[in-house]
């Protein structure tokens, strides 16, 4: 290599190194983050947090920007997060386990906002007992939380999925399908559940009040991102609990907040309040800390992992329900300690409880 060639090569290498250093510095100084949310009663506070400016206020406190982005399709939002298009997304605990975590994306439940307390139900026409479902076609979105609800209902009634026939139906079509004579049994969630219950012979034979705390609504965030940028966790947690203090009030501001949430979800104030009545939202950090103990989460996620494994949702290589490690708030791990990809970390929640955000 002659001297001119060596000089050019050295300059090119130096340029590449400078670009790499600049890229690393830009990453270290990252200021902007994006979180996806989709329409469901437990996720509607994110719409209000965005519209009201609460998120902007808390983000400014920590010198960052947080974009809350509505994605119309629930599963698409989770898939986009899993693909790295967002830093976090709204999801249930089961979907957090079976989509990002099962795909190897280490995800933390930054905000566990609520649990379904009647929003998910098994509905029969003209029959008032869960045991009556034996031998029936049950319409639901297969491998969804509705499917999990049905499985738990069957288990508690001494039945199994072998005793019924699942008919896969999209969440967009299920409420309409239930109005037809062909459909006599369905498992569905709000707001489709509200529509189904308008049928004169519709009877709820099981709902999520019978499995409290098992269907959790979460803002899951990339664990590596949270570790590297704790200011994101602080800002989002602060914004969430400020919104909770407003939404659950009785004054004009609270009514305006709930009205906005209802309209954004395709209903009205009365409709969203009916859905909120079937949702146990954690209004304060201390309430959530008390309820979401490591013991309760271990029991809940044990049910979820067994269902997910049985239905092949933990990945092709999963050899048992323990294929994925789930870190609990006390630091213990349920499942595979060498493949921890789902975390319930109360670090930011405890800061909120102590008034340190």
Protein backbone atom coordinates (compact mmCIF):
# COMPACT_ATOMS: atom_id res chain seq x y z
CA UNK A 1 0.00 0.00 0.00
CA UNK A 2 1.54 3.30 -1.06
CA UNK A 3 1.55 6.35 1.18
CA UNK A 4 -1.35 8.04 -0.65
CA UNK A 5 -3.52 4.93 -0.40
CA UNK A 6 -2.57 4.51 3.26
CA UNK A 7 -3.49 8.16 3.94
CA UNK A 8 -6.87 7.77 2.21
CA UNK A 9 -7.59 4.53 4.08
CA UNK A 10 -6.61 6.10 7.40
CA UNK A 11 -8.83 9.11 6.75
CA UNK A 12 -11.73 6.86 5.80
CA UNK A 13 -11.25 4.78 8.96
CA UNK A 14 -11.05 7.90 11.08
CA UNK A 15 -14.22 9.18 9.48
CA UNK A 16 -16.02 5.92 10.24
CA UNK A 17 -14.83 5.99 13.84
CA UNK A 18 -16.03 9.57 14.22
CA UNK A 19 -19.42 8.61 12.81
CA UNK A 20 -19.66 5.68 15.21
CA UNK A 21 -18.69 7.88 18.15
CA UNK A 22 -21.25 10.49 17.07
CA UNK A 23 -23.95 7.83 16.76
CA UNK A 24 -23.11 6.45 20.22
CA UNK A 25 -23.20 9.93 21.72
CA UNK A 26 -26.53 10.63 20.05
CA UNK A 27 -27.90 7.40 21.52
CA UNK A 28 -26.53 8.28 24.96
CA UNK A 29 -28.21 11.68 24.75
CA UNK A 30 -31.47 10.35 23.42
CA UNK A 31 -34.40 12.60 24.29
CA UNK A 32 -37.41 11.34 22.32
CA UNK A 33 -39.46 8.22 23.01
CA UNK A 34 -42.69 6.83 21.59
CA UNK A 35 -45.35 4.64 23.17
CA UNK A 36 -48.26 3.06 21.30
CA UNK A 37 -51.77 2.67 22.65
CA UNK A 38 -54.98 1.20 21.23
CA UNK A 39 -58.66 1.48 22.08
CA UNK A 40 -59.82 -0.38 25.18
CA UNK A 41 -61.23 1.04 28.39
CA UNK A 42 -58.06 0.32 30.37
CA UNK A 43 -55.94 2.09 27.78
CA UNK A 44 -58.11 5.17 27.25
CA UNK A 45 -56.37 7.18 29.98
CA UNK A 46 -53.39 7.40 27.59
CA UNK A 47 -55.60 9.33 25.16
CA UNK A 48 -56.47 11.79 27.93
CA UNK A 49 -52.87 12.01 29.16
CA UNK A 50 -51.84 12.99 25.64
CA UNK A 51 -54.70 15.40 24.90
CA UNK A 52 -54.58 17.16 28.28
CA UNK A 53 -50.86 17.94 28.08
CA UNK A 54 -50.11 15.91 31.23
CA UNK A 55 -47.57 13.79 29.37
CA UNK A 56 -45.83 16.84 27.95
CA UNK A 57 -45.62 18.42 31.40
CA UNK A 58 -43.98 15.38 32.98
CA UNK A 59 -41.69 14.80 30.01
CA UNK A 60 -40.51 18.40 30.22
CA UNK A 61 -39.70 17.90 33.89
CA UNK A 62 -37.21 15.20 32.90
CA UNK A 63 -36.00 17.00 29.76
CA UNK A 64 -37.34 14.41 27.33
CA UNK A 65 -40.16 14.05 24.81
CA UNK A 66 -42.70 11.24 24.99
CA UNK A 67 -45.05 10.72 22.06
CA UNK A 68 -48.23 8.76 22.79
CA UNK A 69 -49.36 7.28 19.47
CA UNK A 70 -52.77 5.77 18.80
CA UNK A 71 -52.65 2.56 16.76
CA UNK A 72 -56.11 1.38 15.76
CA UNK A 73 -55.32 -2.33 15.71
CA UNK A 74 -54.41 -3.72 19.14
CA UNK A 75 -52.22 -6.60 17.97
CA UNK A 76 -50.54 -4.43 15.35
CA UNK A 77 -49.49 -2.02 18.09
CA UNK A 78 -47.82 -4.84 20.02
CA UNK A 79 -46.20 -6.22 16.88
CA UNK A 80 -44.82 -2.79 15.98
CA UNK A 81 -43.35 -2.49 19.46
CA UNK A 82 -41.87 -5.97 19.22
CA UNK A 83 -40.28 -5.01 15.89
CA UNK A 84 -38.66 -1.98 17.52
CA UNK A 85 -40.89 0.71 16.02
CA UNK A 86 -41.98 1.90 19.49
CA UNK A 87 -40.33 1.96 22.91
CA UNK A 88 -43.47 0.52 24.48
CA UNK A 89 -47.10 -0.37 23.86
CA UNK A 90 -50.32 -1.18 25.67
CA UNK A 91 -51.01 -4.89 26.10
CA UNK A 92 -52.42 -7.45 28.49
CA UNK A 93 -50.12 -9.57 30.63
CA UNK A 94 -50.83 -12.62 28.46
CA UNK A 95 -50.04 -10.80 25.22
CA UNK A 96 -46.91 -9.30 26.78
CA UNK A 97 -45.71 -12.82 27.53
CA UNK A 98 -46.67 -14.41 24.21
CA UNK A 99 -45.69 -11.67 21.74
CA UNK A 100 -42.69 -9.51 22.71
CA UNK A 101 -41.30 -11.70 25.51
CA UNK A 102 -41.74 -14.92 23.53
CA UNK A 103 -39.99 -13.16 20.63
CA UNK A 104 -37.00 -12.38 22.84
CA UNK A 105 -37.81 -8.72 23.49
CA UNK A 106 -37.19 -8.10 27.18
CA UNK A 107 -40.21 -6.10 28.34
CA UNK A 108 -41.10 -4.46 31.65
CA UNK A 109 -44.62 -3.77 32.88
CA UNK A 110 -43.94 -0.09 33.57
CA UNK A 111 -47.60 0.73 34.21
CA UNK A 112 -50.01 -2.00 35.26
CA UNK A 113 -53.05 0.20 35.20
CA UNK A 114 -55.92 -2.12 36.03
CA UNK A 115 -57.40 -5.56 35.84
CA UNK A 116 -60.56 -6.67 34.10
CA UNK A 117 -63.34 -6.88 36.67
CA UNK A 118 -66.24 -7.85 34.44
CA UNK A 119 -65.06 -6.53 31.07
CA UNK A 120 -64.51 -10.09 29.77
CA UNK A 121 -67.31 -12.64 29.86
CA UNK A 122 -68.76 -15.91 28.58
CA UNK A 123 -72.29 -15.26 27.31
CA UNK A 124 -74.96 -17.83 26.46
CA UNK A 125 -78.40 -17.36 24.99
CA UNK A 126 -81.26 -18.64 27.13
CA UNK A 127 -78.99 -20.65 29.43
CA UNK A 128 -77.91 -19.48 32.86
CA UNK A 129 -75.28 -21.99 33.94
CA UNK A 130 -71.67 -22.42 32.81
CA UNK A 131 -72.13 -26.19 32.69
CA UNK A 132 -74.75 -25.67 29.95
CA UNK A 133 -71.95 -24.75 27.53
CA UNK A 134 -70.94 -28.41 27.14
CA UNK A 135 -71.14 -29.52 23.51
CA UNK A 136 -71.70 -25.99 22.16
CA UNK A 137 -69.89 -23.97 19.50
CA UNK A 138 -68.29 -21.02 21.32
CA UNK A 139 -67.44 -17.99 19.19
CA UNK A 140 -64.37 -15.99 20.24
CA UNK A 141 -61.10 -14.51 19.05
CA UNK A 142 -58.89 -17.56 19.25
CA UNK A 143 -55.71 -17.38 21.38
CA UNK A 144 -56.78 -14.05 22.83
CA UNK A 145 -57.65 -13.02 26.37
CA UNK A 146 -61.21 -14.12 25.57
CA UNK A 147 -59.86 -17.61 24.90
CA UNK A 148 -58.02 -17.49 28.22
CA UNK A 149 -61.22 -16.37 29.98
CA UNK A 150 -63.12 -19.29 28.48
CA UNK A 151 -60.40 -21.75 29.49
CA UNK A 152 -60.49 -20.53 33.10
CA UNK A 153 -64.30 -20.63 33.12
CA UNK A 154 -64.29 -24.22 31.85
CA UNK A 155 -61.64 -25.24 34.37
CA UNK A 156 -63.61 -23.77 37.27
CA UNK A 157 -66.76 -25.55 36.05
CA UNK A 158 -64.99 -28.92 35.90
CA UNK A 159 -64.91 -28.89 32.11
CA UNK A 160 -62.18 -28.50 29.47
CA UNK A 161 -61.84 -27.26 25.92
CA UNK A 162 -62.50 -30.81 24.77
CA UNK A 163 -66.09 -30.31 25.92
CA UNK A 164 -66.77 -27.43 23.49
CA UNK A 165 -65.88 -26.35 19.97
CA UNK A 166 -64.08 -23.03 19.53
CA UNK A 167 -65.11 -21.00 16.48
CA UNK A 168 -62.50 -18.35 15.71
CA UNK A 169 -64.17 -14.97 15.16
CA UNK A 170 -62.52 -11.57 14.86
CA UNK A 171 -63.19 -9.00 17.54
CA UNK A 172 -64.61 -6.73 14.83
CA UNK A 173 -67.25 -9.30 13.85
CA UNK A 174 -68.15 -11.08 17.07
CA UNK A 175 -70.80 -8.68 18.39
CA UNK A 176 -72.65 -8.77 15.06
CA UNK A 177 -72.33 -12.55 14.89
CA UNK A 178 -73.94 -12.85 18.32
CA UNK A 179 -77.11 -11.19 17.02
CA UNK A 180 -77.70 -14.15 14.68
CA UNK A 181 -79.55 -17.33 15.65
CA UNK A 182 -76.55 -19.41 14.60
CA UNK A 183 -74.47 -18.12 17.52
CA UNK A 184 -75.64 -19.31 20.91
CA UNK A 185 -72.40 -18.94 22.89
CA UNK A 186 -69.58 -16.41 22.79
CA UNK A 187 -66.69 -15.09 24.84
CA UNK A 188 -65.94 -11.43 24.32
CA UNK A 189 -64.77 -8.19 25.90
CA UNK A 190 -66.05 -4.63 26.09
CA UNK A 191 -67.29 -2.74 24.20
CA UNK A 192 -68.44 -5.77 22.15
CA UNK A 193 -69.71 -7.35 25.37
CA UNK A 194 -72.03 -4.40 25.98
CA UNK A 195 -73.47 -4.87 22.48
CA UNK A 196 -73.96 -8.62 22.96
CA UNK A 197 -75.75 -8.13 26.26
CA UNK A 198 -78.42 -6.07 24.48
CA UNK A 199 -79.80 -9.31 23.05
CA UNK A 200 -82.95 -10.14 25.06
CA UNK A 201 -81.91 -13.71 25.87
CA UNK A 202 -78.20 -13.02 26.56
CA UNK A 203 -76.96 -14.22 29.95
CA UNK A 204 -73.47 -13.89 31.40
CA UNK A 205 -72.55 -17.27 32.85
CA UNK A 206 -68.97 -16.28 33.72
CA UNK A 207 -67.00 -13.07 33.80
CA UNK A 208 -63.64 -11.77 34.90
CA UNK A 209 -64.89 -10.80 38.38
CA UNK A 210 -64.42 -14.51 39.11
CA UNK A 211 -60.71 -14.36 38.25
CA UNK A 212 -59.71 -11.02 39.81
CA UNK A 213 -56.28 -9.76 38.88
CA UNK A 214 -55.63 -12.34 36.17
CA UNK A 215 -56.28 -10.12 33.13
CA UNK A 216 -53.97 -7.15 33.60
CA UNK A 217 -53.77 -4.09 31.34
CA UNK A 218 -50.19 -2.91 30.96
CA UNK A 219 -48.00 -0.32 29.31
CA UNK A 220 -45.06 -2.55 28.50
CA UNK A 221 -41.74 -0.83 27.81
CA UNK A 222 -38.44 -2.18 26.52
CA UNK A 223 -36.43 -3.16 29.60
CA UNK A 224 -33.07 -2.09 28.16
CA UNK A 225 -34.49 1.33 27.28
CA UNK A 226 -35.89 1.79 30.80
CA UNK A 227 -32.60 0.80 32.38
CA UNK A 228 -30.66 3.20 30.18
CA UNK A 229 -33.16 6.04 30.44
CA UNK A 230 -34.85 5.94 33.86
CA UNK A 231 -36.22 9.43 33.20
CA UNK A 232 -38.67 7.78 30.78
CA UNK A 233 -40.01 5.56 33.54
CA UNK A 234 -40.30 8.49 35.95
CA UNK A 235 -42.10 10.76 33.49
CA UNK A 236 -44.59 8.14 32.34
CA UNK A 237 -45.34 6.96 35.88
CA UNK A 238 -45.85 10.51 37.10
CA UNK A 239 -48.16 11.32 34.21
CA UNK A 240 -50.22 8.18 34.74
CA UNK A 241 -50.96 8.78 38.40
CA UNK A 242 -51.73 12.46 37.87
CA UNK A 243 -54.30 11.37 35.29
CA UNK A 244 -55.72 8.78 37.71
CA UNK A 245 -56.29 11.49 40.32
CA UNK A 246 -58.31 13.49 37.78
CA UNK A 247 -60.23 10.75 35.96
CA UNK A 248 -61.70 9.26 39.12
CA UNK A 249 -62.87 12.55 40.57
CA UNK A 250 -66.38 14.01 40.67
CA UNK A 251 -65.79 17.55 39.42
CA UNK A 252 -66.06 19.14 36.00
CA UNK A 253 -62.48 18.26 35.08
CA UNK A 254 -63.11 14.57 35.84
CA UNK A 255 -66.34 14.53 33.84
CA UNK A 256 -64.60 16.23 30.93
CA UNK A 257 -61.79 13.66 31.08
CA UNK A 258 -64.16 10.70 31.08
CA UNK A 259 -66.26 12.25 28.33
CA UNK A 260 -63.16 12.63 26.17
CA UNK A 261 -62.14 9.02 26.85
CA UNK A 262 -65.61 7.83 25.91
CA UNK A 263 -65.76 9.79 22.68
CA UNK A 264 -62.27 8.69 21.66
CA UNK A 265 -63.26 5.05 22.17
CA UNK A 266 -66.43 5.34 20.09
CA UNK A 267 -68.98 5.69 22.88
CA UNK A 268 -70.03 8.48 25.26
CA UNK A 269 -69.76 9.39 28.93
CA UNK A 270 -72.37 6.84 29.97
CA UNK A 271 -70.76 4.12 27.88
CA UNK A 272 -67.25 4.65 29.22
CA UNK A 273 -68.54 4.82 32.78
CA UNK A 274 -70.23 1.44 32.35
CA UNK A 275 -66.94 0.02 31.12
CA UNK A 276 -65.00 1.66 33.95
CA UNK A 277 -67.41 0.06 36.41
CA UNK A 278 -66.21 -3.33 35.11
CA UNK A 279 -62.56 -2.31 35.38
CA UNK A 280 -60.59 -2.25 38.63
CA UNK A 281 -58.18 0.62 38.07
CA UNK A 282 -55.34 1.20 40.51
CA UNK A 283 -55.97 4.79 41.48
CA UNK A 284 -52.90 5.28 43.66
CA UNK A 285 -49.37 3.85 43.74
CA UNK A 286 -49.97 2.35 47.18
CA UNK A 287 -53.13 0.55 46.06
CA UNK A 288 -51.22 -1.05 43.22
CA UNK A 289 -48.26 -1.98 45.41
CA UNK A 290 -50.59 -3.66 47.87
CA UNK A 291 -52.49 -5.64 45.24
CA UNK A 292 -49.70 -6.62 42.84
CA UNK A 293 -47.60 -8.58 45.30
CA UNK A 294 -45.04 -11.09 44.08
CA UNK A 295 -47.21 -13.92 45.40
CA UNK A 296 -50.33 -12.81 43.56
CA UNK A 297 -48.40 -12.18 40.33
CA UNK A 298 -46.73 -15.59 40.60
CA UNK A 299 -50.12 -17.30 40.88
CA UNK A 300 -51.60 -15.24 38.04
CA UNK A 301 -48.70 -15.78 35.66
CA UNK A 302 -48.66 -19.48 36.46
CA UNK A 303 -52.21 -19.73 35.06
CA UNK A 304 -51.21 -17.61 32.06
CA UNK A 305 -48.03 -19.55 31.24
CA UNK A 306 -49.82 -22.90 31.43
CA UNK A 307 -52.56 -21.70 29.06
CA UNK A 308 -50.02 -20.15 26.70
CA UNK A 309 -47.85 -23.26 26.58
CA UNK A 310 -50.83 -25.53 25.98
CA UNK A 311 -51.81 -23.45 22.96
CA UNK A 312 -48.30 -23.14 21.54
CA UNK A 313 -47.91 -19.43 22.25
CA UNK A 314 -44.50 -19.52 23.93
CA UNK A 315 -42.57 -20.19 20.73
CA UNK A 316 -41.71 -23.27 18.72
CA UNK A 317 -38.78 -24.17 20.98
CA UNK A 318 -40.71 -24.02 24.26
CA UNK A 319 -40.42 -27.35 26.06
CA UNK A 320 -42.51 -26.43 29.11
CA UNK A 321 -44.62 -23.61 30.58
CA UNK A 322 -41.41 -22.40 32.23
CA UNK A 323 -39.67 -21.59 28.92
CA UNK A 324 -39.67 -17.84 29.59
CA UNK A 325 -38.41 -16.27 32.79
CA UNK A 326 -40.74 -13.76 34.48
CA UNK A 327 -39.12 -11.48 37.03
CA UNK A 328 -41.44 -10.64 39.93
CA UNK A 329 -41.35 -7.46 42.06
CA UNK A 330 -39.27 -9.11 44.81
CA UNK A 331 -36.57 -10.11 42.30
CA UNK A 332 -37.54 -13.77 42.21
CA UNK A 333 -38.08 -15.44 38.84
CA UNK A 334 -40.97 -17.62 37.71
CA UNK A 335 -39.78 -19.94 34.96
CA UNK A 336 -36.45 -19.91 33.13
CA UNK A 337 -33.86 -17.86 35.04
CA UNK A 338 -31.56 -17.98 32.02
CA UNK A 339 -34.14 -16.40 29.69
CA UNK A 340 -35.83 -13.62 31.64
CA UNK A 341 -37.83 -11.59 29.12
CA UNK A 342 -40.82 -10.34 31.13
CA UNK A 343 -40.54 -8.17 34.23
CA UNK A 344 -42.78 -6.73 36.92
CA UNK A 345 -40.52 -4.07 38.39
CA UNK A 346 -41.90 -1.72 41.05
CA UNK A 347 -38.95 0.69 41.02
CA UNK A 348 -40.85 3.64 39.57
CA UNK A 349 -44.06 2.74 41.37
CA UNK A 350 -42.26 2.90 44.71
CA UNK A 351 -40.84 6.32 43.82
CA UNK A 352 -44.37 7.50 43.11
CA UNK A 353 -45.64 6.08 46.39
CA UNK A 354 -42.86 7.91 48.25
CA UNK A 355 -43.55 11.20 46.44
CA UNK A 356 -40.10 11.20 44.87
CA UNK A 357 -40.98 11.59 41.20
